[in-house]
Amino acid sequence: MAEHWNYRVIQHKALGPFDDDFLGIHEVYYDDQERIRGFTDDPCVTGDDLAELLRVLVLMTAAASLPVLADDVETVGWPDYSQQE
């Protein structure tokens, strides 16, 4: 088989004492003997469990039916909540 890639779910260990383990979908690359060459550093999608990953993927799929935004779209910015009492 030729070199190829696909998406795979990878379990990540907690990064710190206050974090939890999580799952991420990564691009995984294979050599022509089906051995894993490596995978992307950053996951495309993350979630606490498989059900959450699936919910996010459903939302992402729904985005494909919306108009495409330009990367220079005008935005209003985020509110500054630090000034509220």
N, C-alpha and C. Protein backbone atom coordinates (compact mmCIF):
# COMPACT_ATOMS: atom_id res chain seq x y z
N MET A 1 0.85 -1.19 0.00
CA MET A 1 0.00 0.00 0.00
C MET A 1 0.89 1.24 0.00
N ALA A 2 0.44 2.28 -0.62
CA ALA A 2 1.21 3.52 -0.71
C ALA A 2 1.10 4.31 0.60
N GLU A 3 2.00 5.27 0.76
CA GLU A 3 1.91 6.16 1.91
C GLU A 3 0.57 6.88 1.87
N HIS A 4 -0.01 7.10 3.05
CA HIS A 4 -1.31 7.76 3.10
C HIS A 4 -1.53 8.36 4.48
N TRP A 5 -2.69 8.98 4.66
CA TRP A 5 -3.06 9.52 5.96
C TRP A 5 -4.55 9.34 6.16
N ASN A 6 -4.97 9.44 7.41
CA ASN A 6 -6.38 9.46 7.75
C ASN A 6 -6.55 10.19 9.08
N TYR A 7 -7.79 10.34 9.51
CA TYR A 7 -8.07 10.93 10.81
C TYR A 7 -8.21 9.81 11.83
N ARG A 8 -7.64 10.02 13.01
CA ARG A 8 -7.75 9.04 14.09
C ARG A 8 -7.98 9.76 15.41
N VAL A 9 -8.69 9.09 16.30
CA VAL A 9 -8.89 9.60 17.66
C VAL A 9 -7.69 9.18 18.50
N ILE A 10 -7.10 10.14 19.19
CA ILE A 10 -5.95 9.88 20.06
C ILE A 10 -6.30 10.34 21.46
N GLN A 11 -6.02 9.50 22.45
CA GLN A 11 -6.26 9.85 23.85
C GLN A 11 -5.05 10.62 24.37
N HIS A 12 -5.33 11.78 24.97
CA HIS A 12 -4.28 12.63 25.53
C HIS A 12 -4.36 12.60 27.05
N LYS A 13 -3.21 12.54 27.69
CA LYS A 13 -3.15 12.60 29.15
C LYS A 13 -3.28 14.05 29.58
N ALA A 14 -3.77 14.25 30.79
CA ALA A 14 -3.90 15.59 31.34
C ALA A 14 -2.56 16.31 31.30
N LEU A 15 -2.59 17.59 30.98
CA LEU A 15 -1.36 18.38 30.86
C LEU A 15 -0.88 18.93 32.19
N GLY A 16 -1.78 19.04 33.13
CA GLY A 16 -1.42 19.58 34.43
C GLY A 16 -2.28 18.99 35.52
N PRO A 17 -2.01 19.34 36.77
CA PRO A 17 -2.74 18.73 37.89
C PRO A 17 -4.23 19.08 37.92
N PHE A 18 -4.63 20.16 37.27
CA PHE A 18 -6.04 20.57 37.28
C PHE A 18 -6.75 20.24 35.98
N ASP A 19 -6.06 19.58 35.06
CA ASP A 19 -6.63 19.19 33.78
C ASP A 19 -7.11 17.76 33.82
N ASP A 20 -7.95 17.41 32.86
CA ASP A 20 -8.43 16.04 32.71
C ASP A 20 -7.88 15.46 31.42
N ASP A 21 -7.84 14.13 31.33
CA ASP A 21 -7.52 13.48 30.07
C ASP A 21 -8.57 13.91 29.04
N PHE A 22 -8.20 13.90 27.76
CA PHE A 22 -9.16 14.26 26.73
C PHE A 22 -8.82 13.50 25.45
N LEU A 23 -9.76 13.52 24.51
CA LEU A 23 -9.58 12.89 23.20
C LEU A 23 -9.42 13.97 22.15
N GLY A 24 -8.64 13.65 21.12
CA GLY A 24 -8.47 14.58 20.01
C GLY A 24 -8.46 13.83 18.69
N ILE A 25 -9.02 14.44 17.67
CA ILE A 25 -8.95 13.87 16.33
C ILE A 25 -7.77 14.52 15.62
N HIS A 26 -6.85 13.69 15.15
CA HIS A 26 -5.63 14.15 14.50
C HIS A 26 -5.52 13.55 13.10
N GLU A 27 -4.73 14.21 12.26
CA GLU A 27 -4.30 13.60 11.01
C GLU A 27 -3.14 12.68 11.37
N VAL A 28 -3.24 11.41 10.96
CA VAL A 28 -2.19 10.42 11.23
C VAL A 28 -1.62 9.97 9.89
N TYR A 29 -0.30 9.96 9.79
CA TYR A 29 0.39 9.64 8.55
C TYR A 29 1.06 8.28 8.64
N TYR A 30 0.96 7.48 7.55
CA TYR A 30 1.46 6.11 7.51
C TYR A 30 2.48 5.96 6.39
N ASP A 31 3.41 5.03 6.60
CA ASP A 31 4.32 4.70 5.51
C ASP A 31 3.70 3.61 4.65
N ASP A 32 4.43 3.12 3.65
CA ASP A 32 3.88 2.14 2.72
C ASP A 32 3.73 0.75 3.33
N GLN A 33 4.17 0.59 4.59
CA GLN A 33 3.98 -0.69 5.29
C GLN A 33 2.96 -0.56 6.43
N GLU A 34 2.15 0.50 6.38
CA GLU A 34 1.09 0.75 7.36
C GLU A 34 1.62 1.11 8.75
N ARG A 35 2.89 1.48 8.86
CA ARG A 35 3.42 1.92 10.15
C ARG A 35 3.14 3.41 10.29
N ILE A 36 2.84 3.83 11.51
CA ILE A 36 2.54 5.23 11.75
C ILE A 36 3.83 6.04 11.69
N ARG A 37 3.88 7.00 10.77
CA ARG A 37 5.03 7.91 10.67
C ARG A 37 4.92 9.00 11.73
N GLY A 38 3.72 9.46 11.97
CA GLY A 38 3.50 10.53 12.94
C GLY A 38 2.10 11.07 12.83
N PHE A 39 1.82 12.07 13.65
CA PHE A 39 0.51 12.71 13.60
C PHE A 39 0.66 14.18 13.93
N THR A 40 -0.35 14.97 13.59
CA THR A 40 -0.29 16.41 13.80
C THR A 40 -0.16 16.73 15.28
N ASP A 41 0.59 17.80 15.56
CA ASP A 41 0.79 18.22 16.95
C ASP A 41 -0.52 18.62 17.61
N ASP A 42 -1.29 19.39 16.89
CA ASP A 42 -2.55 19.90 17.44
C ASP A 42 -3.73 19.13 16.87
N PRO A 43 -4.66 18.72 17.73
CA PRO A 43 -5.84 18.03 17.23
C PRO A 43 -6.75 18.97 16.45
N CYS A 44 -7.47 18.41 15.50
CA CYS A 44 -8.46 19.18 14.73
C CYS A 44 -9.69 19.47 15.59
N VAL A 45 -10.05 18.52 16.43
CA VAL A 45 -11.22 18.60 17.29
C VAL A 45 -10.86 17.92 18.61
N THR A 46 -11.38 18.44 19.72
CA THR A 46 -11.17 17.79 21.02
C THR A 46 -12.50 17.60 21.73
N GLY A 47 -12.49 16.69 22.69
CA GLY A 47 -13.66 16.44 23.52
C GLY A 47 -13.29 15.58 24.70
N ASP A 48 -14.16 15.58 25.69
CA ASP A 48 -13.91 14.78 26.89
C ASP A 48 -14.11 13.29 26.64
N ASP A 49 -14.98 12.97 25.67
CA ASP A 49 -15.28 11.57 25.37
C ASP A 49 -15.74 11.47 23.91
N LEU A 50 -16.00 10.25 23.46
CA LEU A 50 -16.41 10.06 22.06
C LEU A 50 -17.74 10.75 21.76
N ALA A 51 -18.67 10.74 22.71
CA ALA A 51 -19.97 11.39 22.48
C ALA A 51 -19.79 12.88 22.23
N GLU A 52 -18.91 13.53 22.99
CA GLU A 52 -18.68 14.95 22.78
C GLU A 52 -18.01 15.21 21.43
N LEU A 53 -17.06 14.36 21.05
CA LEU A 53 -16.44 14.49 19.73
C LEU A 53 -17.49 14.42 18.64
N LEU A 54 -18.42 13.49 18.75
CA LEU A 54 -19.46 13.34 17.74
C LEU A 54 -20.38 14.57 17.70
N ARG A 55 -20.71 15.13 18.87
CA ARG A 55 -21.55 16.34 18.90
C ARG A 55 -20.85 17.49 18.18
N VAL A 56 -19.56 17.65 18.43
CA VAL A 56 -18.81 18.72 17.77
C VAL A 56 -18.77 18.49 16.26
N LEU A 57 -18.57 17.26 15.84
CA LEU A 57 -18.52 16.96 14.41
C LEU A 57 -19.86 17.25 13.73
N VAL A 58 -20.96 17.00 14.42
CA VAL A 58 -22.29 17.32 13.86
C VAL A 58 -22.41 18.83 13.68
N LEU A 59 -21.96 19.60 14.67
CA LEU A 59 -22.00 21.06 14.55
C LEU A 59 -21.10 21.55 13.42
N MET A 60 -19.94 20.94 13.28
CA MET A 60 -19.02 21.33 12.21
C MET A 60 -19.61 20.99 10.85
N THR A 61 -20.28 19.86 10.74
CA THR A 61 -20.90 19.47 9.47
C THR A 61 -22.01 20.46 9.11
N ALA A 62 -22.75 20.91 10.11
CA ALA A 62 -23.82 21.89 9.86
C ALA A 62 -23.23 23.20 9.33
N ALA A 63 -22.01 23.54 9.72
CA ALA A 63 -21.38 24.78 9.25
C ALA A 63 -21.19 24.78 7.74
N ALA A 64 -21.07 23.61 7.14
CA ALA A 64 -20.88 23.52 5.69
C ALA A 64 -22.12 23.98 4.92
N SER A 65 -23.28 24.04 5.57
CA SER A 65 -24.50 24.50 4.90
C SER A 65 -24.72 26.00 5.05
N LEU A 66 -23.84 26.68 5.79
CA LEU A 66 -23.95 28.13 5.99
C LEU A 66 -23.08 28.85 4.97
N PRO A 67 -23.38 30.13 4.70
CA PRO A 67 -22.53 30.88 3.79
C PRO A 67 -21.08 30.94 4.31
N VAL A 68 -20.13 30.91 3.41
CA VAL A 68 -18.72 30.98 3.76
C VAL A 68 -18.39 32.41 4.16
N LEU A 69 -17.64 32.57 5.27
CA LEU A 69 -17.19 33.88 5.71
C LEU A 69 -15.81 34.18 5.15
N ALA A 70 -15.57 35.43 4.80
CA ALA A 70 -14.23 35.85 4.38
C ALA A 70 -13.37 36.03 5.62
N ASP A 71 -12.07 35.80 5.48
CA ASP A 71 -11.21 35.92 6.66
C ASP A 71 -11.03 37.37 7.12
N ASP A 72 -11.49 38.33 6.32
CA ASP A 72 -11.44 39.73 6.73
C ASP A 72 -12.83 40.28 7.05
N VAL A 73 -13.74 39.39 7.45
CA VAL A 73 -15.09 39.80 7.78
C VAL A 73 -15.05 40.82 8.92
N GLU A 74 -15.94 41.81 8.84
CA GLU A 74 -15.99 42.83 9.89
C GLU A 74 -16.59 42.22 11.15
N THR A 75 -15.93 42.42 12.25
CA THR A 75 -16.41 41.90 13.53
C THR A 75 -16.63 43.05 14.50
N VAL A 76 -17.42 42.81 15.52
CA VAL A 76 -17.69 43.84 16.53
C VAL A 76 -16.78 43.69 17.75
N GLY A 77 -16.01 42.64 17.81
CA GLY A 77 -15.12 42.44 18.96
C GLY A 77 -15.87 41.85 20.15
N TRP A 78 -15.11 41.62 21.19
CA TRP A 78 -15.66 41.01 22.40
C TRP A 78 -15.93 42.07 23.44
N PRO A 79 -16.99 41.93 24.24
CA PRO A 79 -17.26 42.90 25.29
C PRO A 79 -16.17 42.87 26.36
N ASP A 80 -15.95 44.01 26.99
CA ASP A 80 -14.96 44.11 28.07
C ASP A 80 -15.71 43.98 29.39
N TYR A 81 -15.79 42.77 29.89
CA TYR A 81 -16.53 42.51 31.13
C TYR A 81 -15.74 42.93 32.36
N SER A 82 -14.47 43.27 32.21
CA SER A 82 -13.67 43.63 33.37
C SER A 82 -14.11 44.96 33.99
N GLN A 83 -14.85 45.78 33.23
CA GLN A 83 -15.30 47.08 33.72
C GLN A 83 -16.63 47.01 34.46
N GLN A 84 -17.28 45.85 34.43
CA GLN A 84 -18.58 45.71 35.09
C GLN A 84 -18.39 45.38 36.56
N GLU A 85 -19.32 45.87 37.37
CA GLU A 85 -19.25 45.58 38.81
C GLU A 85 -20.41 44.76 39.25
